Amino acid sequence: MKEIDKKILFELQENADISMKDLGGIVNLSPSPCWLRIKNLKEQGYIKKTVAILDEKKLNLEKPIFVQIKTTNHNKEWTDKFRKVVNKTPEIVECHRLMGDTDYLLKVMVKNSESYNTFYSKLTKEIDLSNVTGLQSLEEIKQTSSLPLDYV
């Protein structure tokens, strides 16, 4: 990847609404070549999609709750059902399968502890889990959607 493309990606991660004129001024290109480079980056799959990042507080959502899940089931049927439940549950904003003692880690956004209790009850009714541990975030030290560009 060319250095100019990295600069464009860096800027777009900070502000995808930036005008082509302003972006061009930052990366030292005119607007049309900037637009073409962005188009190519999208076609090559470097840019998956452009989204709006919403304010949790304005939406009355607490800090995330990280949910550690352990299961004794690892067969395809259980895994397929688990994936289906995760994908249809809007409160689950991230789900990761892990190495180690915990099988899955969920990042869950809910209004309050009562909402979490409702979420927990619904989740455990829908799928068989051997252990579920919720960890409430007390303070957000870093949160970003920006990815490091040093590896391309």
Protein backbone atom coordinates (compact mmCIF):
# COMPACT_ATOMS: atom_id res chain seq x y z
CA MET A 1 0.00 0.00 0.00
CA LYS A 2 1.25 3.45 -0.87
CA GLU A 3 1.95 5.98 1.88
CA ILE A 4 -0.66 8.37 0.42
CA ASP A 5 -3.34 5.68 0.81
CA LYS A 6 -2.33 5.18 4.45
CA LYS A 7 -2.65 8.93 5.03
CA ILE A 8 -6.10 8.92 3.45
CA LEU A 9 -7.20 5.94 5.58
CA PHE A 10 -5.83 7.60 8.72
CA GLU A 11 -7.82 10.77 8.04
CA LEU A 12 -11.00 8.90 7.12
CA GLN A 13 -10.84 6.93 10.38
CA GLU A 14 -10.91 10.24 12.24
CA ASN A 15 -13.59 11.90 10.09
CA ALA A 16 -15.28 10.10 7.21
CA ASP A 17 -17.42 13.20 6.56
CA ILE A 18 -14.42 15.27 5.53
CA SER A 19 -14.82 16.95 2.14
CA MET A 20 -12.60 15.82 -0.73
CA LYS A 21 -11.22 19.36 -0.87
CA ASP A 22 -10.24 19.33 2.81
CA LEU A 23 -8.88 15.79 2.61
CA GLY A 24 -6.89 16.70 -0.47
CA GLY A 25 -5.40 19.67 1.37
CA ILE A 26 -4.26 17.40 4.21
CA VAL A 27 -2.75 14.67 2.00
CA ASN A 28 -1.55 17.04 -0.74
CA LEU A 29 -3.84 15.87 -3.57
CA SER A 30 -6.62 17.51 -5.51
CA PRO A 31 -10.20 16.36 -4.78
CA SER A 32 -10.63 14.09 -7.83
CA PRO A 33 -7.53 11.94 -7.18
CA CYS A 34 -8.58 11.71 -3.49
CA TRP A 35 -12.01 10.45 -4.51
CA LEU A 36 -10.46 7.92 -6.93
CA ARG A 37 -8.09 6.62 -4.25
CA ILE A 38 -10.98 6.21 -1.80
CA LYS A 39 -13.02 4.43 -4.49
CA ASN A 40 -10.08 2.06 -5.11
CA LEU A 41 -9.59 1.47 -1.37
CA LYS A 42 -13.28 0.50 -1.14
CA GLU A 43 -13.03 -1.80 -4.16
CA GLN A 44 -9.94 -3.46 -2.68
CA GLY A 45 -11.77 -4.05 0.60
CA TYR A 46 -9.69 -1.75 2.82
CA ILE A 47 -12.81 0.30 3.54
CA LYS A 48 -15.68 -2.05 4.41
CA LYS A 49 -18.34 0.58 5.01
CA THR A 50 -18.90 4.08 6.32
CA VAL A 51 -21.02 4.40 9.47
CA ALA A 52 -22.09 6.94 12.06
CA ILE A 53 -20.75 6.48 15.59
CA LEU A 54 -23.55 7.25 18.02
CA ASP A 55 -23.30 8.76 21.50
CA GLU A 56 -24.17 6.14 24.14
CA LYS A 57 -25.16 8.75 26.73
CA LYS A 58 -27.61 10.44 24.35
CA LEU A 59 -29.14 6.99 23.78
CA ASN A 60 -29.43 6.37 27.55
CA LEU A 61 -26.97 3.49 27.52
CA GLU A 62 -24.61 2.77 30.41
CA LYS A 63 -20.97 1.87 30.04
CA PRO A 64 -20.64 -1.55 28.43
CA ILE A 65 -20.97 -4.78 30.32
CA PHE A 66 -18.46 -7.40 29.25
CA VAL A 67 -19.95 -10.87 29.49
CA GLN A 68 -17.68 -13.89 29.78
CA ILE A 69 -19.29 -17.09 28.58
CA LYS A 70 -18.18 -20.64 29.21
CA THR A 71 -19.89 -23.58 27.60
CA THR A 72 -19.50 -27.32 27.63
CA ASN A 73 -20.95 -27.50 24.12
CA HIS A 74 -18.61 -26.98 21.18
CA ASN A 75 -20.46 -28.91 18.51
CA LYS A 76 -21.63 -27.35 15.24
CA GLU A 77 -25.33 -27.38 16.19
CA TRP A 78 -24.72 -25.43 19.42
CA THR A 79 -22.25 -23.05 17.75
CA ASP A 80 -24.68 -22.30 14.91
CA LYS A 81 -27.48 -21.62 17.41
CA PHE A 82 -25.21 -19.41 19.52
CA ARG A 83 -24.17 -17.38 16.46
CA LYS A 84 -27.81 -16.95 15.47
CA VAL A 85 -28.76 -15.73 18.96
CA VAL A 86 -25.80 -13.32 19.06
CA ASN A 87 -26.55 -11.88 15.62
CA LYS A 88 -30.23 -11.26 16.36
CA THR A 89 -29.62 -9.62 19.77
CA PRO A 90 -29.10 -5.85 19.36
CA GLU A 91 -27.69 -5.39 22.88
CA ILE A 92 -24.68 -7.50 21.89
CA VAL A 93 -22.46 -5.07 20.00
CA GLU A 94 -19.40 -7.34 19.87
CA CYS A 95 -18.78 -11.05 20.29
CA HIS A 96 -15.39 -12.74 20.30
CA ARG A 97 -14.46 -16.42 20.54
CA LEU A 98 -11.41 -16.70 22.78
CA MET A 99 -8.53 -18.96 23.66
CA GLY A 100 -8.20 -19.91 27.32
CA ASP A 101 -10.71 -20.48 30.12
CA THR A 102 -13.42 -18.22 28.69
CA ASP A 103 -15.01 -19.41 25.44
CA TYR A 104 -16.68 -16.16 24.37
CA LEU A 105 -16.57 -12.51 25.34
CA LEU A 106 -19.56 -10.30 24.62
CA LYS A 107 -19.69 -6.53 24.76
CA VAL A 108 -23.22 -5.65 25.78
CA MET A 109 -24.85 -2.21 25.82
CA VAL A 110 -27.96 -1.80 27.98
CA LYS A 111 -29.68 1.03 29.85
CA ASN A 112 -29.09 -0.18 33.41
CA SER A 113 -28.74 -3.25 35.66
CA GLU A 114 -32.45 -4.04 35.32
CA SER A 115 -32.06 -4.06 31.54
CA TYR A 116 -29.02 -6.31 31.90
CA ASN A 117 -31.05 -8.71 34.03
CA THR A 118 -33.68 -8.89 31.29
CA PHE A 119 -30.96 -9.45 28.69
CA TYR A 120 -29.32 -12.16 30.84
CA SER A 121 -32.62 -13.99 31.38
CA LYS A 122 -33.44 -13.93 27.68
CA LEU A 123 -29.95 -15.11 26.70
CA THR A 124 -29.87 -18.03 29.15
CA LYS A 125 -33.37 -19.14 28.09
CA GLU A 126 -32.40 -19.21 24.44
CA ILE A 127 -29.11 -21.05 24.69
CA ASP A 128 -27.52 -23.51 27.10
CA LEU A 129 -24.48 -21.97 28.83
CA SER A 130 -22.40 -23.45 31.62
CA ASN A 131 -21.22 -20.13 33.11
CA VAL A 132 -22.04 -16.48 32.46
CA THR A 133 -20.14 -13.67 34.19
CA GLY A 134 -21.02 -10.02 33.66
CA LEU A 135 -18.33 -7.40 34.27
CA GLN A 136 -19.49 -3.77 34.45
CA SER A 137 -17.09 -1.21 33.01
CA LEU A 138 -16.42 1.51 35.57
CA GLU A 139 -14.40 3.84 33.36
CA GLU A 140 -13.67 4.00 29.66
CA ILE A 141 -9.97 4.72 29.28
CA LYS A 142 -9.77 4.26 25.53
CA GLN A 143 -12.36 3.55 22.88
CA THR A 144 -11.66 3.96 19.20
CA SER A 145 -12.79 2.58 15.90
CA SER A 146 -9.43 3.51 14.34
CA LEU A 147 -7.14 0.65 13.36
CA PRO A 148 -3.33 0.81 13.31
CA LEU A 149 -1.97 1.19 9.78
CA ASP A 150 1.63 0.15 10.51
CA TYR A 151 1.14 -3.41 9.25
CA VAL A 152 0.18 -2.75 5.61
